[in-house]
Amino acid sequence: MQGLQKQRGISLIGLMFTIAVLAAIGLLAMQIVPTYSEYRAISAAIVKAKSAGGTPQDIQASFSKSAEVGYISSITARDLVITREDGGLEVSFAYDKKIPLVGPASLLLEYAGSTSKSGAAAAKPEDK
């Protein structure tokens, strides 16, 4: 007679816990992915705006058009920081995105970008 073999696998409680953790990660990802997608759209829009315009007003107008087409709502053309570096104009931006989680807890994402080769981004926006 053979001895009883030990059962292997996950228990019902373990399965429920695993599903709860995966659901929480999925919900968080569903809130973060759109903000990151918008950040990538803003980064592409400032590169396009820089190549399209020679003056700060041209750059802002080009960015406004790209923002309208790309559904960019986190920043406007006025929020862009346009500086002169090495004889050319460089465009940068910085903004915060706050995602409410549960009760008083929230997640703060700080986004910044620049067309500068040095990668120096704009200063963070001040709270109004």
C-alpha atoms as a PDB file:
ATOM      1  CA  MET A   1       0.000   0.000   0.000  1.00  0.00           C
ATOM      2  CA  GLN A   2       1.368   3.335  -0.968  1.00  0.00           C
ATOM      3  CA  GLY A   3       1.314   6.290   1.428  1.00  0.00           C
ATOM      4  CA  LEU A   4      -0.970   9.195   0.861  1.00  0.00           C
ATOM      5  CA  GLN A   5       0.490  11.664  -1.578  1.00  0.00           C
ATOM      6  CA  LYS A   6       0.669  15.269  -0.493  1.00  0.00           C
ATOM      7  CA  GLN A   7      -1.652  17.507  -2.498  1.00  0.00           C
ATOM      8  CA  ARG A   8      -0.145  20.356  -4.445  1.00  0.00           C
ATOM      9  CA  GLY A   9      -1.711  23.553  -5.695  1.00  0.00           C
ATOM     10  CA  ILE A  10      -3.169  26.789  -4.482  1.00  0.00           C
ATOM     11  CA  SER A  11      -5.903  26.986  -1.883  1.00  0.00           C
ATOM     12  CA  LEU A  12      -9.110  28.945  -2.373  1.00  0.00           C
ATOM     13  CA  ILE A  13      -7.921  31.638   0.064  1.00  0.00           C
ATOM     14  CA  GLY A  14      -4.608  31.904  -1.770  1.00  0.00           C
ATOM     15  CA  LEU A  15      -6.405  32.190  -5.095  1.00  0.00           C
ATOM     16  CA  MET A  16      -8.700  34.944  -3.788  1.00  0.00           C
ATOM     17  CA  PHE A  17      -5.725  36.865  -2.374  1.00  0.00           C
ATOM     18  CA  THR A  18      -3.818  36.549  -5.661  1.00  0.00           C
ATOM     19  CA  ILE A  19      -6.823  37.774  -7.657  1.00  0.00           C
ATOM     20  CA  ALA A  20      -7.293  40.731  -5.283  1.00  0.00           C
ATOM     21  CA  VAL A  21      -3.634  41.775  -5.655  1.00  0.00           C
ATOM     22  CA  LEU A  22      -3.782  41.448  -9.442  1.00  0.00           C
ATOM     23  CA  ALA A  23      -7.045  43.449  -9.538  1.00  0.00           C
ATOM     24  CA  ALA A  24      -5.484  46.250  -7.458  1.00  0.00           C
ATOM     25  CA  ILE A  25      -2.446  46.370  -9.761  1.00  0.00           C
ATOM     26  CA  GLY A  26      -4.755  46.371 -12.802  1.00  0.00           C
ATOM     27  CA  LEU A  27      -6.859  49.247 -11.459  1.00  0.00           C
ATOM     28  CA  LEU A  28      -3.731  51.271 -10.704  1.00  0.00           C
ATOM     29  CA  ALA A  29      -2.346  50.583 -14.176  1.00  0.00           C
ATOM     30  CA  MET A  30      -5.648  51.662 -15.748  1.00  0.00           C
ATOM     31  CA  GLN A  31      -5.250  55.056 -14.089  1.00  0.00           C
ATOM     32  CA  ILE A  32      -1.521  55.494 -14.776  1.00  0.00           C
ATOM     33  CA  VAL A  33      -1.367  54.423 -18.436  1.00  0.00           C
ATOM     34  CA  PRO A  34      -3.508  57.325 -19.788  1.00  0.00           C
ATOM     35  CA  THR A  35      -1.379  59.915 -17.965  1.00  0.00           C
ATOM     36  CA  TYR A  36       1.820  58.371 -19.334  1.00  0.00           C
ATOM     37  CA  SER A  37       0.291  58.254 -22.808  1.00  0.00           C
ATOM     38  CA  GLU A  38      -0.512  61.964 -22.544  1.00  0.00           C
ATOM     39  CA  TYR A  39       3.063  62.659 -21.379  1.00  0.00           C
ATOM     40  CA  ARG A  40       4.417  60.881 -24.475  1.00  0.00           C
ATOM     41  CA  ALA A  41       2.031  62.931 -26.660  1.00  0.00           C
ATOM     42  CA  ILE A  42       3.272  66.158 -25.043  1.00  0.00           C
ATOM     43  CA  SER A  43       6.898  65.137 -25.603  1.00  0.00           C
ATOM     44  CA  ALA A  44       6.192  64.448 -29.275  1.00  0.00           C
ATOM     45  CA  ALA A  45       4.232  67.703 -29.631  1.00  0.00           C
ATOM     46  CA  ILE A  46       7.079  69.879 -28.306  1.00  0.00           C
ATOM     47  CA  VAL A  47       9.546  68.235 -30.695  1.00  0.00           C
ATOM     48  CA  LYS A  48       7.156  68.859 -33.583  1.00  0.00           C
ATOM     49  CA  ALA A  49       6.498  72.439 -32.414  1.00  0.00           C
ATOM     50  CA  LYS A  50      10.211  73.180 -32.142  1.00  0.00           C
ATOM     51  CA  SER A  51      10.862  72.013 -35.689  1.00  0.00           C
ATOM     52  CA  ALA A  52       7.815  73.893 -37.044  1.00  0.00           C
ATOM     53  CA  GLY A  53       8.464  77.338 -35.639  1.00  0.00           C
ATOM     54  CA  GLY A  54      11.260  79.853 -35.500  1.00  0.00           C
ATOM     55  CA  THR A  55       9.805  82.170 -32.872  1.00  0.00           C
ATOM     56  CA  PRO A  56       8.292  81.409 -29.469  1.00  0.00           C
ATOM     57  CA  GLN A  57       4.862  82.445 -30.787  1.00  0.00           C
ATOM     58  CA  ASP A  58       5.177  79.989 -33.705  1.00  0.00           C
ATOM     59  CA  ILE A  59       6.194  77.223 -31.309  1.00  0.00           C
ATOM     60  CA  GLN A  60       3.232  77.943 -29.024  1.00  0.00           C
ATOM     61  CA  ALA A  61       0.810  78.033 -31.972  1.00  0.00           C
ATOM     62  CA  SER A  62       2.137  74.716 -33.306  1.00  0.00           C
ATOM     63  CA  PHE A  63       1.905  73.128 -29.871  1.00  0.00           C
ATOM     64  CA  SER A  64      -1.675  74.368 -29.461  1.00  0.00           C
ATOM     65  CA  LYS A  65      -2.650  72.690 -32.742  1.00  0.00           C
ATOM     66  CA  SER A  66      -0.956  69.434 -31.712  1.00  0.00           C
ATOM     67  CA  ALA A  67      -2.580  69.600 -28.278  1.00  0.00           C
ATOM     68  CA  GLU A  68      -6.006  69.984 -29.815  1.00  0.00           C
ATOM     69  CA  VAL A  69      -5.519  67.033 -32.164  1.00  0.00           C
ATOM     70  CA  GLY A  70      -3.795  64.861 -29.544  1.00  0.00           C
ATOM     71  CA  TYR A  71      -6.313  65.519 -26.733  1.00  0.00           C
ATOM     72  CA  ILE A  72      -3.651  67.073 -24.498  1.00  0.00           C
ATOM     73  CA  SER A  73      -5.327  68.745 -21.530  1.00  0.00           C
ATOM     74  CA  SER A  74      -2.690  68.733 -18.781  1.00  0.00           C
ATOM     75  CA  ILE A  75      -0.752  71.720 -20.100  1.00  0.00           C
ATOM     76  CA  THR A  76      -1.308  74.556 -22.549  1.00  0.00           C
ATOM     77  CA  ALA A  77       1.035  76.438 -24.852  1.00  0.00           C
ATOM     78  CA  ARG A  78       1.476  79.080 -22.132  1.00  0.00           C
ATOM     79  CA  ASP A  79       2.899  76.423 -19.795  1.00  0.00           C
ATOM     80  CA  LEU A  80       5.818  75.727 -22.127  1.00  0.00           C
ATOM     81  CA  VAL A  81       9.186  77.174 -21.149  1.00  0.00           C
ATOM     82  CA  ILE A  82      10.980  78.386 -24.263  1.00  0.00           C
ATOM     83  CA  THR A  83      14.633  79.337 -23.797  1.00  0.00           C
ATOM     84  CA  ARG A  84      17.523  80.167 -26.070  1.00  0.00           C
ATOM     85  CA  GLU A  85      20.426  77.709 -25.875  1.00  0.00           C
ATOM     86  CA  ASP A  86      23.413  77.441 -28.207  1.00  0.00           C
ATOM     87  CA  GLY A  87      21.870  79.857 -30.707  1.00  0.00           C
ATOM     88  CA  GLY A  88      18.574  77.970 -30.948  1.00  0.00           C
ATOM     89  CA  LEU A  89      15.313  77.731 -29.084  1.00  0.00           C
ATOM     90  CA  GLU A  90      14.695  74.860 -26.681  1.00  0.00           C
ATOM     91  CA  VAL A  91      11.261  73.900 -25.391  1.00  0.00           C
ATOM     92  CA  SER A  92      10.599  72.268 -22.035  1.00  0.00           C
ATOM     93  CA  PHE A  93       7.682  71.537 -19.744  1.00  0.00           C
ATOM     94  CA  ALA A  94       6.944  70.201 -16.276  1.00  0.00           C
ATOM     95  CA  TYR A  95       3.673  69.309 -14.606  1.00  0.00           C
ATOM     96  CA  ASP A  96       2.232  67.138 -11.858  1.00  0.00           C
ATOM     97  CA  LYS A  97      -0.630  64.668 -12.186  1.00  0.00           C
ATOM     98  CA  LYS A  98      -2.460  63.620  -9.006  1.00  0.00           C
ATOM     99  CA  ILE A  99      -4.411  60.356  -9.073  1.00  0.00           C
ATOM    100  CA  PRO A 100      -6.782  59.818  -6.136  1.00  0.00           C
ATOM    101  CA  LEU A 101      -6.638  56.257  -4.796  1.00  0.00           C
ATOM    102  CA  VAL A 102      -8.608  55.487  -1.633  1.00  0.00           C
ATOM    103  CA  GLY A 103      -9.791  58.053   0.887  1.00  0.00           C
ATOM    104  CA  PRO A 104      -7.025  60.549   1.582  1.00  0.00           C
ATOM    105  CA  ALA A 105      -4.393  58.484  -0.271  1.00  0.00           C
ATOM    106  CA  SER A 106      -3.344  59.591  -3.735  1.00  0.00           C
ATOM    107  CA  LEU A 107      -0.530  58.997  -6.205  1.00  0.00           C
ATOM    108  CA  LEU A 108       1.480  61.983  -7.468  1.00  0.00           C
ATOM    109  CA  LEU A 109       3.220  61.638 -10.828  1.00  0.00           C
ATOM    110  CA  GLU A 110       5.735  64.327 -11.777  1.00  0.00           C
ATOM    111  CA  TYR A 111       6.292  64.647 -15.514  1.00  0.00           C
ATOM    112  CA  ALA A 112       8.950  66.796 -17.187  1.00  0.00           C
ATOM    113  CA  GLY A 113      10.545  66.899 -20.605  1.00  0.00           C
ATOM    114  CA  SER A 114      12.692  68.991 -22.882  1.00  0.00           C
ATOM    115  CA  THR A 115      14.011  69.211 -26.416  1.00  0.00           C
ATOM    116  CA  SER A 116      17.416  70.202 -25.040  1.00  0.00           C
ATOM    117  CA  LYS A 117      20.269  67.764 -25.570  1.00  0.00           C
ATOM    118  CA  SER A 118      21.307  68.331 -21.969  1.00  0.00           C
ATOM    119  CA  GLY A 119      17.886  67.066 -20.896  1.00  0.00           C
ATOM    120  CA  ALA A 120      17.336  69.957 -18.514  1.00  0.00           C
ATOM    121  CA  ALA A 121      13.601  70.259 -18.025  1.00  0.00           C
ATOM    122  CA  ALA A 122      11.580  73.225 -16.874  1.00  0.00           C
ATOM    123  CA  ALA A 123      11.084  74.010 -13.227  1.00  0.00           C
ATOM    124  CA  LYS A 124       8.039  72.460 -11.573  1.00  0.00           C
ATOM    125  CA  PRO A 125       4.878  74.517 -11.640  1.00  0.00           C
ATOM    126  CA  GLU A 126       4.057  76.422  -8.486  1.00  0.00           C
ATOM    127  CA  ASP A 127       0.815  75.679  -6.672  1.00  0.00           C
ATOM    128  CA  LYS A 128      -1.743  78.356  -7.389  1.00  0.00           C
END
